[in-house]
């Protein structure tokens, strides 16, 4: 059954919903929201700002390492 027909069917009953159905909808949305937050917390995510900081530090460390490698190579040749 196409999604459009399901939406149209739901719209027919939307204005006549009882307060109990609205409360159930709100309860289900709150439960979904809580479970989504718990699932996201289990993922080992970092904020974008922290990621950007760590990326910049890694670039600097790589550049410093490359400079040291070049210096050692130059000293070995001397």
PDB file of N, CA and C in Angstrom:
ATOM      1  N   UNK A   1       0.845  -1.174   0.000  1.00  0.00           N
ATOM      2  CA  UNK A   1       0.000   0.000   0.000  1.00  0.00           C
ATOM      3  C   UNK A   1       0.896   1.246   0.000  1.00  0.00           C
ATOM      4  N   UNK A   2       0.755   2.103  -0.991  1.00  0.00           N
ATOM      5  CA  UNK A   2       1.609   3.298  -1.056  1.00  0.00           C
ATOM      6  C   UNK A   2       1.435   4.190   0.162  1.00  0.00           C
ATOM      7  N   UNK A   3       2.504   4.864   0.501  1.00  0.00           N
ATOM      8  CA  UNK A   3       2.536   5.737   1.673  1.00  0.00           C
ATOM      9  C   UNK A   3       1.490   6.847   1.581  1.00  0.00           C
ATOM     10  N   UNK A   4       1.226   7.334   0.376  1.00  0.00           N
ATOM     11  CA  UNK A   4       0.243   8.410   0.194  1.00  0.00           C
ATOM     12  C   UNK A   4      -1.131   7.974   0.694  1.00  0.00           C
ATOM     13  N   UNK A   5      -1.533   6.757   0.405  1.00  0.00           N
ATOM     14  CA  UNK A   5      -2.848   6.277   0.827  1.00  0.00           C
ATOM     15  C   UNK A   5      -2.921   6.130   2.346  1.00  0.00           C
ATOM     16  N   UNK A   6      -1.835   5.705   2.929  1.00  0.00           N
ATOM     17  CA  UNK A   6      -1.801   5.566   4.390  1.00  0.00           C
ATOM     18  C   UNK A   6      -1.934   6.945   5.038  1.00  0.00           C
ATOM     19  N   UNK A   7      -1.203   7.936   4.504  1.00  0.00           N
ATOM     20  CA  UNK A   7      -1.303   9.300   5.039  1.00  0.00           C
ATOM     21  C   UNK A   7      -2.719   9.850   4.888  1.00  0.00           C
ATOM     22  N   UNK A   8      -3.303   9.654   3.712  1.00  0.00           N
ATOM     23  CA  UNK A   8      -4.662  10.146   3.480  1.00  0.00           C
ATOM     24  C   UNK A   8      -5.643   9.488   4.443  1.00  0.00           C
ATOM     25  N   UNK A   9      -5.494   8.205   4.665  1.00  0.00           N
ATOM     26  CA  UNK A   9      -6.360   7.473   5.580  1.00  0.00           C
ATOM     27  C   UNK A   9      -6.204   8.017   7.001  1.00  0.00           C
ATOM     28  N   UNK A  10      -4.967   8.263   7.412  1.00  0.00           N
ATOM     29  CA  UNK A  10      -4.712   8.783   8.753  1.00  0.00           C
ATOM     30  C   UNK A  10      -5.291  10.186   8.915  1.00  0.00           C
ATOM     31  N   UNK A  11      -5.212  11.007   7.849  1.00  0.00           N
ATOM     32  CA  UNK A  11      -5.739  12.370   7.911  1.00  0.00           C
ATOM     33  C   UNK A  11      -7.255  12.374   8.114  1.00  0.00           C
ATOM     34  N   UNK A  12      -7.941  11.370   7.594  1.00  0.00           N
ATOM     35  CA  UNK A  12      -9.389  11.299   7.744  1.00  0.00           C
ATOM     36  C   UNK A  12      -9.780  11.179   9.215  1.00  0.00           C
ATOM     37  N   UNK A  13      -8.969  10.502   9.998  1.00  0.00           N
ATOM     38  CA  UNK A  13      -9.298  10.272  11.394  1.00  0.00           C
ATOM     39  C   UNK A  13      -8.603  11.245  12.332  1.00  0.00           C
ATOM     40  N   UNK A  14      -7.717  12.036  11.809  1.00  0.00           N
ATOM     41  CA  UNK A  14      -6.945  12.959  12.631  1.00  0.00           C
ATOM     42  C   UNK A  14      -7.811  13.925  13.441  1.00  0.00           C
ATOM     43  N   UNK A  15      -8.786  14.591  12.849  1.00  0.00           N
ATOM     44  CA  UNK A  15      -9.566  15.551  13.629  1.00  0.00           C
ATOM     45  C   UNK A  15     -10.458  14.891  14.687  1.00  0.00           C
ATOM     46  N   UNK A  16     -10.764  13.621  14.519  1.00  0.00           N
ATOM     47  CA  UNK A  16     -11.696  12.961  15.428  1.00  0.00           C
ATOM     48  C   UNK A  16     -11.000  12.113  16.476  1.00  0.00           C
ATOM     49  N   UNK A  17      -9.693  12.240  16.598  1.00  0.00           N
ATOM     50  CA  UNK A  17      -8.980  11.433  17.583  1.00  0.00           C
ATOM     51  C   UNK A  17      -9.400  11.813  18.990  1.00  0.00           C
ATOM     52  N   UNK A  18      -9.462  10.826  19.806  1.00  0.00           N
ATOM     53  CA  UNK A  18      -9.819  11.087  21.200  1.00  0.00           C
ATOM     54  C   UNK A  18      -8.586  11.526  21.975  1.00  0.00           C
ATOM     55  N   UNK A  19      -8.763  12.186  23.126  1.00  0.00           N
ATOM     56  CA  UNK A  19      -7.618  12.601  23.945  1.00  0.00           C
ATOM     57  C   UNK A  19      -6.747  11.412  24.370  1.00  0.00           C
ATOM     58  N   UNK A  20      -7.339  10.263  24.519  1.00  0.00           N
ATOM     59  CA  UNK A  20      -6.584   9.062  24.888  1.00  0.00           C
ATOM     60  C   UNK A  20      -5.582   8.676  23.819  1.00  0.00           C
ATOM     61  N   UNK A  21      -5.990   8.821  22.571  1.00  0.00           N
ATOM     62  CA  UNK A  21      -5.088   8.498  21.464  1.00  0.00           C
ATOM     63  C   UNK A  21      -3.963   9.521  21.414  1.00  0.00           C
ATOM     64  N   UNK A  22      -4.290  10.793  21.645  1.00  0.00           N
ATOM     65  CA  UNK A  22      -3.251  11.818  21.669  1.00  0.00           C
ATOM     66  C   UNK A  22      -2.256  11.552  22.793  1.00  0.00           C
ATOM     67  N   UNK A  23      -2.752  11.151  23.956  1.00  0.00           N
ATOM     68  CA  UNK A  23      -1.873  10.850  25.082  1.00  0.00           C
ATOM     69  C   UNK A  23      -0.988   9.658  24.750  1.00  0.00           C
ATOM     70  N   UNK A  24      -1.555   8.655  24.096  1.00  0.00           N
ATOM     71  CA  UNK A  24      -0.781   7.477  23.705  1.00  0.00           C
ATOM     72  C   UNK A  24       0.306   7.867  22.704  1.00  0.00           C
ATOM     73  N   UNK A  25      -0.053   8.726  21.758  1.00  0.00           N
ATOM     74  CA  UNK A  25       0.928   9.202  20.774  1.00  0.00           C
ATOM     75  C   UNK A  25       2.070   9.924  21.476  1.00  0.00           C
ATOM     76  N   UNK A  26       1.722  10.815  22.414  1.00  0.00           N
ATOM     77  CA  UNK A  26       2.747  11.556  23.141  1.00  0.00           C
ATOM     78  C   UNK A  26       3.626  10.614  23.957  1.00  0.00           C
ATOM     79  N   UNK A  27       3.018   9.608  24.561  1.00  0.00           N
ATOM     80  CA  UNK A  27       3.778   8.636  25.352  1.00  0.00           C
ATOM     81  C   UNK A  27       4.723   7.829  24.460  1.00  0.00           C
ATOM     82  N   UNK A  28       4.248   7.420  23.302  1.00  0.00           N
ATOM     83  CA  UNK A  28       5.083   6.668  22.369  1.00  0.00           C
ATOM     84  C   UNK A  28       6.244   7.520  21.851  1.00  0.00           C
ATOM     85  N   UNK A  29       5.978   8.778  21.555  1.00  0.00           N
ATOM     86  CA  UNK A  29       7.044   9.670  21.097  1.00  0.00           C
ATOM     87  C   UNK A  29       8.087   9.884  22.186  1.00  0.00           C
ATOM     88  N   UNK A  30       7.638  10.033  23.429  1.00  0.00           N
ATOM     89  CA  UNK A  30       8.579  10.210  24.534  1.00  0.00           C
ATOM     90  C   UNK A  30       9.421   8.952  24.722  1.00  0.00           C
ATOM     91  N   UNK A  31       8.804   7.793  24.625  1.00  0.00           N
ATOM     92  CA  UNK A  31       9.535   6.530  24.760  1.00  0.00           C
ATOM     93  C   UNK A  31      10.541   6.371  23.627  1.00  0.00           C
ATOM     94  N   UNK A  32      10.119   6.685  22.411  1.00  0.00           N
ATOM     95  CA  UNK A  32      11.021   6.605  21.263  1.00  0.00           C
ATOM     96  C   UNK A  32      12.207   7.547  21.458  1.00  0.00           C
ATOM     97  N   UNK A  33      11.928   8.764  21.893  1.00  0.00           N
ATOM     98  CA  UNK A  33      12.979   9.757  22.105  1.00  0.00           C
ATOM     99  C   UNK A  33      13.974   9.264  23.152  1.00  0.00           C
ATOM    100  N   UNK A  34      13.475   8.713  24.246  1.00  0.00           N
ATOM    101  CA  UNK A  34      14.345   8.199  25.309  1.00  0.00           C
ATOM    102  C   UNK A  34      15.223   7.057  24.809  1.00  0.00           C
ATOM    103  N   UNK A  35      14.627   6.133  24.070  1.00  0.00           N
ATOM    104  CA  UNK A  35      15.400   4.995  23.548  1.00  0.00           C
ATOM    105  C   UNK A  35      16.427   5.441  22.507  1.00  0.00           C
ATOM    106  N   UNK A  36      16.072   6.424  21.710  1.00  0.00           N
ATOM    107  CA  UNK A  36      17.013   6.950  20.718  1.00  0.00           C
ATOM    108  C   UNK A  36      18.216   7.584  21.412  1.00  0.00           C
ATOM    109  N   UNK A  37      17.966   8.355  22.453  1.00  0.00           N
ATOM    110  CA  UNK A  37      19.061   8.974  23.206  1.00  0.00           C
ATOM    111  C   UNK A  37      19.951   7.901  23.819  1.00  0.00           C
ATOM    112  N   UNK A  38      19.365   6.871  24.408  1.00  0.00           N
ATOM    113  CA  UNK A  38      20.152   5.790  24.994  1.00  0.00           C
ATOM    114  C   UNK A  38      20.994   5.080  23.936  1.00  0.00           C
ATOM    115  N   UNK A  39      20.420   4.837  22.772  1.00  0.00           N
ATOM    116  CA  UNK A  39      21.166   4.168  21.700  1.00  0.00           C
ATOM    117  C   UNK A  39      22.321   5.035  21.212  1.00  0.00           C
ATOM    118  N   UNK A  40      22.095   6.338  21.093  1.00  0.00           N
ATOM    119  CA  UNK A  40      23.156   7.235  20.649  1.00  0.00           C
ATOM    120  C   UNK A  40      24.261   7.352  21.692  1.00  0.00           C
ATOM    121  N   UNK A  41      23.897   7.284  22.971  1.00  0.00           N
ATOM    122  CA  UNK A  41      24.901   7.356  24.026  1.00  0.00           C
ATOM    123  C   UNK A  41      25.806   6.121  24.011  1.00  0.00           C
ATOM    124  N   UNK A  42      25.278   4.991  23.579  1.00  0.00           N
ATOM    125  CA  UNK A  42      26.085   3.772  23.509  1.00  0.00           C
ATOM    126  C   UNK A  42      27.123   3.846  22.396  1.00  0.00           C
ATOM    127  N   UNK A  43      26.824   4.645  21.374  1.00  0.00           N
ATOM    128  CA  UNK A  43      27.797   4.841  20.308  1.00  0.00           C
ATOM    129  C   UNK A  43      28.904   5.728  20.863  1.00  0.00           C
ATOM    130  N   UNK A  44      30.101   5.477  20.478  1.00  0.00           N
ATOM    131  CA  UNK A  44      31.228   6.236  21.002  1.00  0.00           C
ATOM    132  C   UNK A  44      31.452   7.459  20.133  1.00  0.00           C
ATOM    133  N   UNK A  45      30.550   8.440  20.249  1.00  0.00           N
ATOM    134  CA  UNK A  45      30.591   9.624  19.410  1.00  0.00           C
ATOM    135  C   UNK A  45      31.226  10.792  20.154  1.00  0.00           C
ATOM    136  N   UNK A  46      31.840  11.685  19.398  1.00  0.00           N
ATOM    137  CA  UNK A  46      32.383  12.917  19.973  1.00  0.00           C
ATOM    138  C   UNK A  46      31.759  14.095  19.228  1.00  0.00           C
ATOM    139  N   UNK A  47      31.649  15.224  19.909  1.00  0.00           N
ATOM    140  CA  UNK A  47      31.114  16.404  19.225  1.00  0.00           C
ATOM    141  C   UNK A  47      32.035  16.839  18.080  1.00  0.00           C
ATOM    142  N   UNK A  48      31.470  17.463  17.084  1.00  0.00           N
ATOM    143  CA  UNK A  48      32.227  17.883  15.908  1.00  0.00           C
ATOM    144  C   UNK A  48      33.389  18.807  16.288  1.00  0.00           C
ATOM    145  N   UNK A  49      33.152  19.695  17.238  1.00  0.00           N
ATOM    146  CA  UNK A  49      34.189  20.638  17.676  1.00  0.00           C
ATOM    147  C   UNK A  49      35.413  19.884  18.200  1.00  0.00           C
ATOM    148  N   UNK A  50      35.189  18.871  19.034  1.00  0.00           N
ATOM    149  CA  UNK A  50      36.305  18.084  19.570  1.00  0.00           C
ATOM    150  C   UNK A  50      37.019  17.315  18.456  1.00  0.00           C
ATOM    151  N   UNK A  51      36.250  16.800  17.510  1.00  0.00           N
ATOM    152  CA  UNK A  51      36.829  16.084  16.379  1.00  0.00           C
ATOM    153  C   UNK A  51      37.742  17.005  15.576  1.00  0.00           C
ATOM    154  N   UNK A  52      37.270  18.223  15.324  1.00  0.00           N
ATOM    155  CA  UNK A  52      38.072  19.183  14.564  1.00  0.00           C
ATOM    156  C   UNK A  52      39.370  19.536  15.297  1.00  0.00           C
ATOM    157  N   UNK A  53      39.287  19.697  16.619  1.00  0.00           N
ATOM    158  CA  UNK A  53      40.478  20.002  17.414  1.00  0.00           C
ATOM    159  C   UNK A  53      41.482  18.857  17.314  1.00  0.00           C
ATOM    160  N   UNK A  54      40.997  17.629  17.483  1.00  0.00           N
ATOM    161  CA  UNK A  54      41.883  16.466  17.417  1.00  0.00           C
ATOM    162  C   UNK A  54      42.485  16.313  16.019  1.00  0.00           C
ATOM    163  N   UNK A  55      41.707  16.593  14.988  1.00  0.00           N
ATOM    164  CA  UNK A  55      42.219  16.512  13.616  1.00  0.00           C
ATOM    165  C   UNK A  55      43.346  17.508  13.398  1.00  0.00           C
ATOM    166  N   UNK A  56      43.171  18.722  13.908  1.00  0.00           N
ATOM    167  CA  UNK A  56      44.206  19.743  13.766  1.00  0.00           C
ATOM    168  C   UNK A  56      45.471  19.343  14.525  1.00  0.00           C
ATOM    169  N   UNK A  57      45.313  18.796  15.732  1.00  0.00           N
ATOM    170  CA  UNK A  57      46.472  18.348  16.506  1.00  0.00           C
ATOM    171  C   UNK A  57      47.200  17.212  15.789  1.00  0.00           C
ATOM    172  N   UNK A  58      46.452  16.329  15.164  1.00  0.00           N
ATOM    173  CA  UNK A  58      47.059  15.230  14.418  1.00  0.00           C
ATOM    174  C   UNK A  58      47.851  15.758  13.222  1.00  0.00           C
ATOM    175  N   UNK A  59      47.306  16.740  12.517  1.00  0.00           N
ATOM    176  CA  UNK A  59      48.034  17.338  11.386  1.00  0.00           C
ATOM    177  C   UNK A  59      49.354  17.939  11.850  1.00  0.00           C
ATOM    178  N   UNK A  60      49.316  18.652  12.980  1.00  0.00           N
ATOM    179  CA  UNK A  60      50.539  19.263  13.512  1.00  0.00           C
ATOM    180  C   UNK A  60      51.545  18.191  13.919  1.00  0.00           C
ATOM    181  N   UNK A  61      51.061  17.117  14.550  1.00  0.00           N
ATOM    182  CA  UNK A  61      51.958  16.039  14.969  1.00  0.00           C
ATOM    183  C   UNK A  61      52.591  15.356  13.764  1.00  0.00           C
ATOM    184  N   UNK A  62      51.801  15.157  12.709  1.00  0.00           N
ATOM    185  CA  UNK A  62      52.350  14.552  11.489  1.00  0.00           C
ATOM    186  C   UNK A  62      53.412  15.448  10.858  1.00  0.00           C
ATOM    187  N   UNK A  63      53.165  16.759  10.844  1.00  0.00           N
ATOM    188  CA  UNK A  63      54.131  17.691  10.281  1.00  0.00           C
ATOM    189  C   UNK A  63      55.410  17.697  11.104  1.00  0.00           C
ATOM    190  N   UNK A  64      55.286  17.659  12.427  1.00  0.00           N
ATOM    191  CA  UNK A  64      56.465  17.637  13.300  1.00  0.00           C
ATOM    192  C   UNK A  64      57.250  16.340  13.101  1.00  0.00           C
ATOM    193  N   UNK A  65      56.552  15.227  12.984  1.00  0.00           N
ATOM    194  CA  UNK A  65      57.210  13.941  12.757  1.00  0.00           C
ATOM    195  C   UNK A  65      57.954  13.943  11.425  1.00  0.00           C
ATOM    196  N   UNK A  66      57.320  14.479  10.395  1.00  0.00           N
ATOM    197  CA  UNK A  66      57.967  14.553   9.080  1.00  0.00           C
ATOM    198  C   UNK A  66      59.222  15.410   9.159  1.00  0.00           C
ATOM    199  N   UNK A  67      59.144  16.539   9.879  1.00  0.00           N
ATOM    200  CA  UNK A  67      60.313  17.410  10.024  1.00  0.00           C
ATOM    201  C   UNK A  67      61.442  16.681  10.756  1.00  0.00           C
ATOM    202  N   UNK A  68      61.105  15.939  11.792  1.00  0.00           N
ATOM    203  CA  UNK A  68      62.128  15.179  12.526  1.00  0.00           C
ATOM    204  C   UNK A  68      62.741  14.083  11.659  1.00  0.00           C
ATOM    205  N   UNK A  69      61.909  13.389  10.889  1.00  0.00           N
ATOM    206  CA  UNK A  69      62.424  12.348   9.991  1.00  0.00           C
ATOM    207  C   UNK A  69      63.385  12.959   8.973  1.00  0.00           C
ATOM    208  N   UNK A  70      62.998  14.106   8.403  1.00  0.00           N
ATOM    209  CA  UNK A  70      63.863  14.786   7.436  1.00  0.00           C
ATOM    210  C   UNK A  70      65.178  15.207   8.086  1.00  0.00           C
ATOM    211  N   UNK A  71      65.107  15.709   9.302  1.00  0.00           N
ATOM    212  CA  UNK A  71      66.313  16.142  10.022  1.00  0.00           C
ATOM    213  C   UNK A  71      67.235  14.952  10.299  1.00  0.00           C
ATOM    214  N   UNK A  72      66.654  13.821  10.733  1.00  0.00           N
ATOM    215  CA  UNK A  72      67.461  12.625  10.994  1.00  0.00           C
ATOM    216  C   UNK A  72      68.116  12.152   9.705  1.00  0.00           C
ATOM    217  N   UNK A  73      67.375  12.148   8.617  1.00  0.00           N
ATOM    218  CA  UNK A  73      67.902  11.731   7.319  1.00  0.00           C
ATOM    219  C   UNK A  73      69.056  12.642   6.913  1.00  0.00           C
ATOM    220  N   UNK A  74      68.904  13.931   7.108  1.00  0.00           N
ATOM    221  CA  UNK A  74      69.960  14.884   6.781  1.00  0.00           C
ATOM    222  C   UNK A  74      71.185  14.647   7.641  1.00  0.00           C
ATOM    223  N   UNK A  75      70.995  14.392   8.942  1.00  0.00           N
ATOM    224  CA  UNK A  75      72.114  14.146   9.844  1.00  0.00           C
ATOM    225  C   UNK A  75      72.846  12.841   9.498  1.00  0.00           C
ATOM    226  N   UNK A  76      72.085  11.838   9.079  1.00  0.00           N
ATOM    227  CA  UNK A  76      72.692  10.563   8.703  1.00  0.00           C
ATOM    228  C   UNK A  76      73.562  10.721   7.460  1.00  0.00           C
ATOM    229  N   UNK A  77      73.141  11.581   6.554  1.00  0.00           N
ATOM    230  CA  UNK A  77      73.901  11.800   5.326  1.00  0.00           C
ATOM    231  C   UNK A  77      75.177  12.577   5.583  1.00  0.00           C
ATOM    232  N   UNK A  78      75.192  13.406   6.628  1.00  0.00           N
ATOM    233  CA  UNK A  78      76.375  14.249   6.924  1.00  0.00           C
ATOM    234  C   UNK A  78      77.525  13.490   7.479  1.00  0.00           C
TER     235      UNK A  78
END
